[in-house]
Amino acid sequence: MGSDEVRRLAARVQQIGDDVRRLADQTLAAGTVAWQSTAATSFRHRLAEEATRIRAAAADLDGAAEALRHHAVAIDSALDRVEGVFARVDRGFAGVGGALARANLGGWR
C-alpha cells in the first residue's frame, strides 16, 4: 500500500469518525422529548451515556486517521531515502554500469 492509498484510507477513517460523531449528536437529540417521568429521566441518562461511548469511538477513529496520515509521511520519507540510495548506486556505476543499474532499478517507484 503506497502513501497515496494510506492517505485515502486516513480520509475515509476521518469521514467515518465524523459520521459517528453525528450519530452521537442524534442520540442526544432523541432525549429532547418533552416527557416528564422517572422513565424519561432514566432514558435521557442512558442516551447521554451512549452518546459518550459513541463520541469515544469517534475520537478513536480520529486517532487512527492521524496515525495513518503520519504513516503516509513515513512511507514518503522511506521512498525518498530509497530513491537517494538508488541515485548514489547509479552514480557509482558510471557509464555502462550506470545504464545497467538504471535498467535493473528502473520503475521501482
PDB file of N, CA and C in Angstrom:
ATOM      1  N   MET A   1       0.863  -1.173   0.000  1.00  0.00           N
ATOM      2  CA  MET A   1       0.000   0.000   0.000  1.00  0.00           C
ATOM      3  C   MET A   1       0.903   1.227   0.000  1.00  0.00           C
ATOM      4  N   GLY A   2       0.723   2.068  -1.007  1.00  0.00           N
ATOM      5  CA  GLY A   2       1.521   3.275  -1.117  1.00  0.00           C
ATOM      6  C   GLY A   2       0.973   4.400  -0.255  1.00  0.00           C
ATOM      7  N   SER A   3       1.732   5.475  -0.184  1.00  0.00           N
ATOM      8  CA  SER A   3       1.340   6.590   0.685  1.00  0.00           C
ATOM      9  C   SER A   3       0.029   7.243   0.241  1.00  0.00           C
ATOM     10  N   ASP A   4      -0.230   7.283  -1.067  1.00  0.00           N
ATOM     11  CA  ASP A   4      -1.499   7.871  -1.525  1.00  0.00           C
ATOM     12  C   ASP A   4      -2.683   7.033  -1.061  1.00  0.00           C
ATOM     13  N   GLU A   5      -2.526   5.721  -1.109  1.00  0.00           N
ATOM     14  CA  GLU A   5      -3.593   4.836  -0.632  1.00  0.00           C
ATOM     15  C   GLU A   5      -3.805   5.003   0.875  1.00  0.00           C
ATOM     16  N   VAL A   6      -2.703   5.147   1.604  1.00  0.00           N
ATOM     17  CA  VAL A   6      -2.803   5.336   3.054  1.00  0.00           C
ATOM     18  C   VAL A   6      -3.495   6.662   3.351  1.00  0.00           C
ATOM     19  N   ARG A   7      -3.182   7.693   2.589  1.00  0.00           N
ATOM     20  CA  ARG A   7      -3.856   8.991   2.776  1.00  0.00           C
ATOM     21  C   ARG A   7      -5.357   8.896   2.478  1.00  0.00           C
ATOM     22  N   ARG A   8      -5.715   8.150   1.426  1.00  0.00           N
ATOM     23  CA  ARG A   8      -7.143   7.963   1.124  1.00  0.00           C
ATOM     24  C   ARG A   8      -7.834   7.199   2.251  1.00  0.00           C
ATOM     25  N   LEU A   9      -7.154   6.200   2.777  1.00  0.00           N
ATOM     26  CA  LEU A   9      -7.710   5.444   3.900  1.00  0.00           C
ATOM     27  C   LEU A   9      -7.882   6.345   5.115  1.00  0.00           C
ATOM     28  N   ALA A  10      -6.889   7.184   5.381  1.00  0.00           N
ATOM     29  CA  ALA A  10      -6.975   8.121   6.513  1.00  0.00           C
ATOM     30  C   ALA A  10      -8.172   9.052   6.347  1.00  0.00           C
ATOM     31  N   ALA A  11      -8.379   9.548   5.133  1.00  0.00           N
ATOM     32  CA  ALA A  11      -9.513  10.442   4.887  1.00  0.00           C
ATOM     33  C   ALA A  11     -10.831   9.709   5.104  1.00  0.00           C
ATOM     34  N   ARG A  12     -10.893   8.458   4.669  1.00  0.00           N
ATOM     35  CA  ARG A  12     -12.121   7.672   4.852  1.00  0.00           C
ATOM     36  C   ARG A  12     -12.374   7.412   6.332  1.00  0.00           C
ATOM     37  N   VAL A  13     -11.334   7.044   7.062  1.00  0.00           N
ATOM     38  CA  VAL A  13     -11.485   6.803   8.508  1.00  0.00           C
ATOM     39  C   VAL A  13     -11.931   8.085   9.203  1.00  0.00           C
ATOM     40  N   GLN A  14     -11.360   9.224   8.808  1.00  0.00           N
ATOM     41  CA  GLN A  14     -11.760  10.509   9.389  1.00  0.00           C
ATOM     42  C   GLN A  14     -13.233  10.790   9.106  1.00  0.00           C
ATOM     43  N   GLN A  15     -13.665  10.507   7.871  1.00  0.00           N
ATOM     44  CA  GLN A  15     -15.068  10.720   7.500  1.00  0.00           C
ATOM     45  C   GLN A  15     -15.994   9.830   8.342  1.00  0.00           C
ATOM     46  N   ILE A  16     -15.581   8.595   8.541  1.00  0.00           N
ATOM     47  CA  ILE A  16     -16.385   7.695   9.380  1.00  0.00           C
ATOM     48  C   ILE A  16     -16.452   8.241  10.802  1.00  0.00           C
ATOM     49  N   GLY A  17     -15.334   8.755  11.306  1.00  0.00           N
ATOM     50  CA  GLY A  17     -15.325   9.375  12.635  1.00  0.00           C
ATOM     51  C   GLY A  17     -16.306  10.532  12.717  1.00  0.00           C
ATOM     52  N   ASP A  18     -16.348  11.351  11.676  1.00  0.00           N
ATOM     53  CA  ASP A  18     -17.292  12.471  11.631  1.00  0.00           C
ATOM     54  C   ASP A  18     -18.735  11.960  11.612  1.00  0.00           C
ATOM     55  N   ASP A  19     -18.978  10.882  10.851  1.00  0.00           N
ATOM     56  CA  ASP A  19     -20.317  10.293  10.798  1.00  0.00           C
ATOM     57  C   ASP A  19     -20.719   9.740  12.164  1.00  0.00           C
ATOM     58  N   VAL A  20     -19.774   9.102  12.825  1.00  0.00           N
ATOM     59  CA  VAL A  20     -20.046   8.545  14.156  1.00  0.00           C
ATOM     60  C   VAL A  20     -20.352   9.671  15.142  1.00  0.00           C
ATOM     61  N   ARG A  21     -19.618  10.775  15.029  1.00  0.00           N
ATOM     62  CA  ARG A  21     -19.864  11.926  15.903  1.00  0.00           C
ATOM     63  C   ARG A  21     -21.286  12.484  15.692  1.00  0.00           C
ATOM     64  N   ARG A  22     -21.714  12.526  14.422  1.00  0.00           N
ATOM     65  CA  ARG A  22     -23.091  12.968  14.143  1.00  0.00           C
ATOM     66  C   ARG A  22     -24.108  12.012  14.759  1.00  0.00           C
ATOM     67  N   LEU A  23     -23.792  10.732  14.768  1.00  0.00           N
ATOM     68  CA  LEU A  23     -24.659   9.747  15.407  1.00  0.00           C
ATOM     69  C   LEU A  23     -24.791  10.043  16.901  1.00  0.00           C
ATOM     70  N   ALA A  24     -23.693  10.436  17.525  1.00  0.00           N
ATOM     71  CA  ALA A  24     -23.747  10.807  18.949  1.00  0.00           C
ATOM     72  C   ALA A  24     -24.671  12.005  19.149  1.00  0.00           C
ATOM     73  N   ASP A  25     -24.585  12.987  18.260  1.00  0.00           N
ATOM     74  CA  ASP A  25     -25.461  14.161  18.345  1.00  0.00           C
ATOM     75  C   ASP A  25     -26.925  13.753  18.191  1.00  0.00           C
ATOM     76  N   GLN A  26     -27.187  12.855  17.250  1.00  0.00           N
ATOM     77  CA  GLN A  26     -28.556  12.384  17.044  1.00  0.00           C
ATOM     78  C   GLN A  26     -29.055  11.605  18.261  1.00  0.00           C
ATOM     79  N   THR A  27     -28.163  10.851  18.864  1.00  0.00           N
ATOM     80  CA  THR A  27     -28.525  10.088  20.058  1.00  0.00           C
ATOM     81  C   THR A  27     -28.953  11.034  21.169  1.00  0.00           C
ATOM     82  N   LEU A  28     -28.181  12.091  21.369  1.00  0.00           N
ATOM     83  CA  LEU A  28     -28.541  13.080  22.389  1.00  0.00           C
ATOM     84  C   LEU A  28     -29.842  13.797  22.043  1.00  0.00           C
ATOM     85  N   ALA A  29     -30.039  14.080  20.776  1.00  0.00           N
ATOM     86  CA  ALA A  29     -31.254  14.782  20.350  1.00  0.00           C
ATOM     87  C   ALA A  29     -32.508  13.972  20.658  1.00  0.00           C
ATOM     88  N   ALA A  30     -32.376  12.651  20.663  1.00  0.00           N
ATOM     89  CA  ALA A  30     -33.530  11.808  20.974  1.00  0.00           C
ATOM     90  C   ALA A  30     -34.023  12.044  22.396  1.00  0.00           C
ATOM     91  N   GLY A  31     -33.163  12.561  23.236  1.00  0.00           N
ATOM     92  CA  GLY A  31     -33.530  12.810  24.628  1.00  0.00           C
ATOM     93  C   GLY A  31     -34.203  14.155  24.857  1.00  0.00           C
ATOM     94  N   THR A  32     -34.423  14.901  23.814  1.00  0.00           N
ATOM     95  CA  THR A  32     -35.029  16.229  23.983  1.00  0.00           C
ATOM     96  C   THR A  32     -36.558  16.183  23.965  1.00  0.00           C
ATOM     97  N   VAL A  33     -37.106  14.990  23.964  1.00  0.00           N
ATOM     98  CA  VAL A  33     -38.565  14.875  24.014  1.00  0.00           C
ATOM     99  C   VAL A  33     -39.076  15.478  25.320  1.00  0.00           C
ATOM    100  N   ALA A  34     -40.303  15.897  25.310  1.00  0.00           N
ATOM    101  CA  ALA A  34     -40.860  16.621  26.461  1.00  0.00           C
ATOM    102  C   ALA A  34     -41.448  15.692  27.527  1.00  0.00           C
ATOM    103  N   TRP A  35     -41.042  14.467  27.548  1.00  0.00           N
ATOM    104  CA  TRP A  35     -41.567  13.552  28.558  1.00  0.00           C
ATOM    105  C   TRP A  35     -41.091  13.973  29.936  1.00  0.00           C
ATOM    106  N   GLN A  36     -41.957  13.858  30.897  1.00  0.00           N
ATOM    107  CA  GLN A  36     -41.596  14.167  32.283  1.00  0.00           C
ATOM    108  C   GLN A  36     -42.017  12.993  33.151  1.00  0.00           C
ATOM    109  N   SER A  37     -41.062  12.150  33.444  1.00  0.00           N
ATOM    110  CA  SER A  37     -41.328  10.998  34.307  1.00  0.00           C
ATOM    111  C   SER A  37     -39.992  10.414  34.744  1.00  0.00           C
ATOM    112  N   THR A  38     -40.051   9.502  35.653  1.00  0.00           N
ATOM    113  CA  THR A  38     -38.837   8.806  36.098  1.00  0.00           C
ATOM    114  C   THR A  38     -38.242   8.032  34.930  1.00  0.00           C
ATOM    115  N   ALA A  39     -39.105   7.402  34.141  1.00  0.00           N
ATOM    116  CA  ALA A  39     -38.632   6.642  32.988  1.00  0.00           C
ATOM    117  C   ALA A  39     -37.962   7.569  31.968  1.00  0.00           C
ATOM    118  N   ALA A  40     -38.534   8.743  31.746  1.00  0.00           N
ATOM    119  CA  ALA A  40     -37.948   9.697  30.803  1.00  0.00           C
ATOM    120  C   ALA A  40     -36.583  10.155  31.275  1.00  0.00           C
ATOM    121  N   THR A  41     -36.455  10.404  32.573  1.00  0.00           N
ATOM    122  CA  THR A  41     -35.163  10.809  33.133  1.00  0.00           C
ATOM    123  C   THR A  41     -34.134   9.692  32.945  1.00  0.00           C
ATOM    124  N   SER A  42     -34.548   8.467  33.201  1.00  0.00           N
ATOM    125  CA  SER A  42     -33.657   7.319  33.015  1.00  0.00           C
ATOM    126  C   SER A  42     -33.261   7.180  31.543  1.00  0.00           C
ATOM    127  N   PHE A  43     -34.237   7.378  30.675  1.00  0.00           N
ATOM    128  CA  PHE A  43     -33.994   7.314  29.233  1.00  0.00           C
ATOM    129  C   PHE A  43     -32.953   8.346  28.814  1.00  0.00           C
ATOM    130  N   ARG A  44     -33.108   9.576  29.272  1.00  0.00           N
ATOM    131  CA  ARG A  44     -32.152  10.632  28.929  1.00  0.00           C
ATOM    132  C   ARG A  44     -30.747  10.304  29.457  1.00  0.00           C
ATOM    133  N   HIS A  45     -30.699   9.764  30.665  1.00  0.00           N
ATOM    134  CA  HIS A  45     -29.410   9.399  31.261  1.00  0.00           C
ATOM    135  C   HIS A  45     -28.725   8.324  30.410  1.00  0.00           C
ATOM    136  N   ARG A  46     -29.488   7.325  30.005  1.00  0.00           N
ATOM    137  CA  ARG A  46     -28.917   6.248  29.189  1.00  0.00           C
ATOM    138  C   ARG A  46     -28.475   6.780  27.826  1.00  0.00           C
ATOM    139  N   LEU A  47     -29.248   7.690  27.247  1.00  0.00           N
ATOM    140  CA  LEU A  47     -28.843   8.296  25.974  1.00  0.00           C
ATOM    141  C   LEU A  47     -27.534   9.069  26.128  1.00  0.00           C
ATOM    142  N   ALA A  48     -27.395   9.803  27.216  1.00  0.00           N
ATOM    143  CA  ALA A  48     -26.163  10.567  27.453  1.00  0.00           C
ATOM    144  C   ALA A  48     -24.968   9.630  27.592  1.00  0.00           C
ATOM    145  N   GLU A  49     -25.154   8.521  28.300  1.00  0.00           N
ATOM    146  CA  GLU A  49     -24.067   7.545  28.440  1.00  0.00           C
ATOM    147  C   GLU A  49     -23.694   6.956  27.083  1.00  0.00           C
ATOM    148  N   GLU A  50     -24.720   6.618  26.307  1.00  0.00           N
ATOM    149  CA  GLU A  50     -24.456   6.045  24.985  1.00  0.00           C
ATOM    150  C   GLU A  50     -23.759   7.062  24.081  1.00  0.00           C
ATOM    151  N   ALA A  51     -24.190   8.306  24.124  1.00  0.00           N
ATOM    152  CA  ALA A  51     -23.555   9.351  23.321  1.00  0.00           C
ATOM    153  C   ALA A  51     -22.084   9.507  23.711  1.00  0.00           C
ATOM    154  N   THR A  52     -21.795   9.391  24.996  1.00  0.00           N
ATOM    155  CA  THR A  52     -20.405   9.469  25.458  1.00  0.00           C
ATOM    156  C   THR A  52     -19.588   8.327  24.871  1.00  0.00           C
ATOM    157  N   ARG A  53     -20.139   7.120  24.858  1.00  0.00           N
ATOM    158  CA  ARG A  53     -19.426   5.972  24.284  1.00  0.00           C
ATOM    159  C   ARG A  53     -19.228   6.167  22.773  1.00  0.00           C
ATOM    160  N   ILE A  54     -20.249   6.680  22.121  1.00  0.00           N
ATOM    161  CA  ILE A  54     -20.149   6.900  20.671  1.00  0.00           C
ATOM    162  C   ILE A  54     -19.088   7.959  20.369  1.00  0.00           C
ATOM    163  N   ARG A  55     -19.061   9.025  21.165  1.00  0.00           N
ATOM    164  CA  ARG A  55     -18.041  10.068  20.959  1.00  0.00           C
ATOM    165  C   ARG A  55     -16.631   9.515  21.199  1.00  0.00           C
ATOM    166  N   ALA A  56     -16.489   8.619  22.169  1.00  0.00           N
ATOM    167  CA  ALA A  56     -15.177   7.999  22.415  1.00  0.00           C
ATOM    168  C   ALA A  56     -14.747   7.180  21.204  1.00  0.00           C
ATOM    169  N   ALA A  57     -15.695   6.483  20.587  1.00  0.00           N
ATOM    170  CA  ALA A  57     -15.372   5.722  19.378  1.00  0.00           C
ATOM    171  C   ALA A  57     -14.941   6.668  18.257  1.00  0.00           C
ATOM    172  N   ALA A  58     -15.628   7.795  18.128  1.00  0.00           N
ATOM    173  CA  ALA A  58     -15.252   8.780  17.107  1.00  0.00           C
ATOM    174  C   ALA A  58     -13.843   9.310  17.370  1.00  0.00           C
ATOM    175  N   ALA A  59     -13.521   9.551  18.623  1.00  0.00           N
ATOM    176  CA  ALA A  59     -12.177  10.031  18.969  1.00  0.00           C
ATOM    177  C   ALA A  59     -11.129   8.972  18.631  1.00  0.00           C
ATOM    178  N   ASP A  60     -11.456   7.703  18.859  1.00  0.00           N
ATOM    179  CA  ASP A  60     -10.534   6.622  18.487  1.00  0.00           C
ATOM    180  C   ASP A  60     -10.306   6.610  16.974  1.00  0.00           C
ATOM    181  N   LEU A  61     -11.369   6.823  16.220  1.00  0.00           N
ATOM    182  CA  LEU A  61     -11.228   6.883  14.760  1.00  0.00           C
ATOM    183  C   LEU A  61     -10.394   8.079  14.338  1.00  0.00           C
ATOM    184  N   ASP A  62     -10.568   9.214  15.007  1.00  0.00           N
ATOM    185  CA  ASP A  62      -9.731  10.385  14.723  1.00  0.00           C
ATOM    186  C   ASP A  62      -8.262  10.058  14.945  1.00  0.00           C
ATOM    187  N   GLY A  63      -7.982   9.374  16.044  1.00  0.00           N
ATOM    188  CA  GLY A  63      -6.605   8.986  16.345  1.00  0.00           C
ATOM    189  C   GLY A  63      -6.040   8.035  15.304  1.00  0.00           C
ATOM    190  N   ALA A  64      -6.866   7.102  14.854  1.00  0.00           N
ATOM    191  CA  ALA A  64      -6.412   6.165  13.822  1.00  0.00           C
ATOM    192  C   ALA A  64      -6.136   6.902  12.511  1.00  0.00           C
ATOM    193  N   ALA A  65      -6.990   7.843  12.159  1.00  0.00           N
ATOM    194  CA  ALA A  65      -6.780   8.623  10.939  1.00  0.00           C
ATOM    195  C   ALA A  65      -5.477   9.415  11.027  1.00  0.00           C
ATOM    196  N   GLU A  66      -5.238  10.003  12.186  1.00  0.00           N
ATOM    197  CA  GLU A  66      -3.996  10.765  12.377  1.00  0.00           C
ATOM    198  C   GLU A  66      -2.779   9.848  12.259  1.00  0.00           C
ATOM    199  N   ALA A  67      -2.858   8.669  12.852  1.00  0.00           N
ATOM    200  CA  ALA A  67      -1.750   7.713  12.761  1.00  0.00           C
ATOM    201  C   ALA A  67      -1.510   7.310  11.305  1.00  0.00           C
ATOM    202  N   LEU A  68      -2.579   7.118  10.551  1.00  0.00           N
ATOM    203  CA  LEU A  68      -2.430   6.780   9.134  1.00  0.00           C
ATOM    204  C   LEU A  68      -1.769   7.916   8.358  1.00  0.00           C
ATOM    205  N   ARG A  69      -2.141   9.158   8.675  1.00  0.00           N
ATOM    206  CA  ARG A  69      -1.504  10.301   7.993  1.00  0.00           C
ATOM    207  C   ARG A  69      -0.008  10.337   8.308  1.00  0.00           C
ATOM    208  N   HIS A  70       0.352  10.081   9.554  1.00  0.00           N
ATOM    209  CA  HIS A  70       1.783  10.040   9.919  1.00  0.00           C
ATOM    210  C   HIS A  70       2.483   8.894   9.195  1.00  0.00           C
ATOM    211  N   HIS A  71       1.793   7.776   9.077  1.00  0.00           N
ATOM    212  CA  HIS A  71       2.368   6.620   8.387  1.00  0.00           C
ATOM    213  C   HIS A  71       2.628   6.961   6.912  1.00  0.00           C
ATOM    214  N   ALA A  72       1.708   7.677   6.284  1.00  0.00           N
ATOM    215  CA  ALA A  72       1.896   8.079   4.882  1.00  0.00           C
ATOM    216  C   ALA A  72       3.138   8.947   4.730  1.00  0.00           C
ATOM    217  N   VAL A  73       3.362   9.858   5.670  1.00  0.00           N
ATOM    218  CA  VAL A  73       4.566  10.700   5.637  1.00  0.00           C
ATOM    219  C   VAL A  73       5.807   9.826   5.788  1.00  0.00           C
ATOM    220  N   ALA A  74       5.743   8.832   6.677  1.00  0.00           N
ATOM    221  CA  ALA A  74       6.884   7.930   6.872  1.00  0.00           C
ATOM    222  C   ALA A  74       7.155   7.114   5.605  1.00  0.00           C
ATOM    223  N   ILE A  75       6.096   6.688   4.936  1.00  0.00           N
ATOM    224  CA  ILE A  75       6.276   5.953   3.678  1.00  0.00           C
ATOM    225  C   ILE A  75       6.980   6.839   2.663  1.00  0.00           C
ATOM    226  N   ASP A  76       6.515   8.080   2.514  1.00  0.00           N
ATOM    227  CA  ASP A  76       7.165   9.005   1.573  1.00  0.00           C
ATOM    228  C   ASP A  76       8.632   9.200   1.915  1.00  0.00           C
ATOM    229  N   SER A  77       8.908   9.357   3.197  1.00  0.00           N
ATOM    230  CA  SER A  77      10.292   9.551   3.627  1.00  0.00           C
ATOM    231  C   SER A  77      11.146   8.329   3.282  1.00  0.00           C
ATOM    232  N   ALA A  78      10.618   7.141   3.528  1.00  0.00           N
ATOM    233  CA  ALA A  78      11.362   5.919   3.224  1.00  0.00           C
ATOM    234  C   ALA A  78      11.594   5.787   1.719  1.00  0.00           C
ATOM    235  N   LEU A  79      10.573   6.103   0.931  1.00  0.00           N
ATOM    236  CA  LEU A  79      10.736   6.034  -0.528  1.00  0.00           C
ATOM    237  C   LEU A  79      11.761   7.047  -1.016  1.00  0.00           C
ATOM    238  N   ASP A  80      11.772   8.225  -0.422  1.00  0.00           N
ATOM    239  CA  ASP A  80      12.780   9.227  -0.786  1.00  0.00           C
ATOM    240  C   ASP A  80      14.182   8.729  -0.452  1.00  0.00           C
ATOM    241  N   ARG A  81      14.314   8.063   0.694  1.00  0.00           N
ATOM    242  CA  ARG A  81      15.627   7.522   1.072  1.00  0.00           C
ATOM    243  C   ARG A  81      16.066   6.448   0.082  1.00  0.00           C
ATOM    244  N   VAL A  82      15.149   5.574  -0.299  1.00  0.00           N
ATOM    245  CA  VAL A  82      15.481   4.524  -1.270  1.00  0.00           C
ATOM    246  C   VAL A  82      15.883   5.155  -2.599  1.00  0.00           C
ATOM    247  N   GLU A  83      15.130   6.159  -3.008  1.00  0.00           N
ATOM    248  CA  GLU A  83      15.450   6.846  -4.258  1.00  0.00           C
ATOM    249  C   GLU A  83      16.854   7.455  -4.190  1.00  0.00           C
ATOM    250  N   GLY A  84      17.207   8.027  -3.054  1.00  0.00           N
ATOM    251  CA  GLY A  84      18.543   8.588  -2.876  1.00  0.00           C
ATOM    252  C   GLY A  84      19.624   7.523  -2.959  1.00  0.00           C
ATOM    253  N   VAL A  85      19.368   6.382  -2.367  1.00  0.00           N
ATOM    254  CA  VAL A  85      20.333   5.275  -2.439  1.00  0.00           C
ATOM    255  C   VAL A  85      20.483   4.815  -3.882  1.00  0.00           C
ATOM    256  N   PHE A  86      19.366   4.661  -4.586  1.00  0.00           N
ATOM    257  CA  PHE A  86      19.448   4.246  -5.982  1.00  0.00           C
ATOM    258  C   PHE A  86      20.220   5.263  -6.812  1.00  0.00           C
ATOM    259  N   ALA A  87      20.018   6.542  -6.532  1.00  0.00           N
ATOM    260  CA  ALA A  87      20.747   7.580  -7.267  1.00  0.00           C
ATOM    261  C   ALA A  87      22.251   7.458  -7.005  1.00  0.00           C
ATOM    262  N   ARG A  88      22.619   7.191  -5.747  1.00  0.00           N
ATOM    263  CA  ARG A  88      24.045   7.020  -5.434  1.00  0.00           C
ATOM    264  C   ARG A  88      24.611   5.783  -6.131  1.00  0.00           C
ATOM    265  N   VAL A  89      23.833   4.707  -6.152  1.00  0.00           N
ATOM    266  CA  VAL A  89      24.286   3.488  -6.845  1.00  0.00           C
ATOM    267  C   VAL A  89      24.466   3.785  -8.322  1.00  0.00           C
ATOM    268  N   ASP A  90      23.505   4.498  -8.898  1.00  0.00           N
ATOM    269  CA  ASP A  90      23.570   4.831 -10.309  1.00  0.00           C
ATOM    270  C   ASP A  90      24.810   5.667 -10.614  1.00  0.00           C
ATOM    271  N   ARG A  91      25.101   6.655  -9.751  1.00  0.00           N
ATOM    272  CA  ARG A  91      26.297   7.483  -9.953  1.00  0.00           C
ATOM    273  C   ARG A  91      27.563   6.659  -9.752  1.00  0.00           C
ATOM    274  N   GLY A  92      27.498   5.678  -8.864  1.00  0.00           N
ATOM    275  CA  GLY A  92      28.672   4.852  -8.593  1.00  0.00           C
ATOM    276  C   GLY A  92      29.024   3.932  -9.743  1.00  0.00           C
ATOM    277  N   PHE A  93      28.042   3.607 -10.548  1.00  0.00           N
ATOM    278  CA  PHE A  93      28.268   2.757 -11.717  1.00  0.00           C
ATOM    279  C   PHE A  93      28.178   3.596 -12.978  1.00  0.00           C
ATOM    280  N   ALA A  94      29.122   4.487 -13.135  1.00  0.00           N
ATOM    281  CA  ALA A  94      29.105   5.398 -14.290  1.00  0.00           C
ATOM    282  C   ALA A  94      29.224   4.605 -15.588  1.00  0.00           C
ATOM    283  N   GLY A  95      28.756   5.208 -16.661  1.00  0.00           N
ATOM    284  CA  GLY A  95      28.887   4.591 -17.986  1.00  0.00           C
ATOM    285  C   GLY A  95      27.983   3.386 -18.137  1.00  0.00           C
ATOM    286  N   VAL A  96      28.563   2.296 -18.611  1.00  0.00           N
ATOM    287  CA  VAL A  96      27.794   1.084 -18.883  1.00  0.00           C
ATOM    288  C   VAL A  96      27.175   0.543 -17.596  1.00  0.00           C
ATOM    289  N   GLY A  97      27.930   0.582 -16.518  1.00  0.00           N
ATOM    290  CA  GLY A  97      27.394   0.102 -15.239  1.00  0.00           C
ATOM    291  C   GLY A  97      26.194   0.917 -14.802  1.00  0.00           C
ATOM    292  N   GLY A  98      26.230   2.242 -15.050  1.00  0.00           N
ATOM    293  CA  GLY A  98      25.100   3.104 -14.695  1.00  0.00           C
ATOM    294  C   GLY A  98      23.861   2.749 -15.488  1.00  0.00           C
ATOM    295  N   ALA A  99      24.061   2.458 -16.769  1.00  0.00           N
ATOM    296  CA  ALA A  99      22.915   2.064 -17.600  1.00  0.00           C
ATOM    297  C   ALA A  99      22.343   0.747 -17.097  1.00  0.00           C
ATOM    298  N   LEU A 100      23.219  -0.156 -16.689  1.00  0.00           N
ATOM    299  CA  LEU A 100      22.767  -1.438 -16.158  1.00  0.00           C
ATOM    300  C   LEU A 100      21.996  -1.234 -14.859  1.00  0.00           C
ATOM    301  N   ALA A 101      22.525  -0.377 -13.989  1.00  0.00           N
ATOM    302  CA  ALA A 101      21.844  -0.106 -12.722  1.00  0.00           C
ATOM    303  C   ALA A 101      20.465   0.502 -12.980  1.00  0.00           C
ATOM    304  N   ARG A 102      20.371   1.435 -13.932  1.00  0.00           N
ATOM    305  CA  ARG A 102      19.078   2.046 -14.263  1.00  0.00           C
ATOM    306  C   ARG A 102      18.120   0.991 -14.792  1.00  0.00           C
ATOM    307  N   ALA A 103      18.627   0.101 -15.602  1.00  0.00           N
ATOM    308  CA  ALA A 103      17.764  -0.948 -16.185  1.00  0.00           C
ATOM    309  C   ALA A 103      17.256  -1.879 -15.092  1.00  0.00           C
ATOM    310  N   ASN A 104      18.104  -2.207 -14.132  1.00  0.00           N
ATOM    311  CA  ASN A 104      17.712  -3.129 -13.064  1.00  0.00           C
ATOM    312  C   ASN A 104      16.848  -2.482 -11.995  1.00  0.00           C
ATOM    313  N   LEU A 105      17.029  -1.168 -11.765  1.00  0.00           N
ATOM    314  CA  LEU A 105      16.319  -0.489 -10.697  1.00  0.00           C
ATOM    315  C   LEU A 105      15.172   0.370 -11.203  1.00  0.00           C
ATOM    316  N   GLY A 106      15.078   0.531 -12.504  1.00  0.00           N
ATOM    317  CA  GLY A 106      14.056   1.410 -13.073  1.00  0.00           C
ATOM    318  C   GLY A 106      12.652   0.924 -12.750  1.00  0.00           C
ATOM    319  N   GLY A 107      11.759   1.865 -12.616  1.00  0.00           N
ATOM    320  CA  GLY A 107      10.359   1.544 -12.371  1.00  0.00           C
ATOM    321  C   GLY A 107      10.046   1.059 -10.975  1.00  0.00           C
ATOM    322  N   TRP A 108      10.964   1.201 -10.069  1.00  0.00           N
ATOM    323  CA  TRP A 108      10.717   0.705  -8.700  1.00  0.00           C
ATOM    324  C   TRP A 108       9.658   1.508  -7.998  1.00  0.00           C
ATOM    325  N   ARG A 109       9.457   2.767  -8.376  1.00  0.00           N
ATOM    326  CA  ARG A 109       8.503   3.615  -7.655  1.00  0.00           C
ATOM    327  C   ARG A 109       7.270   3.870  -8.457  1.00  0.00           C
TER     328      ARG A 109
END
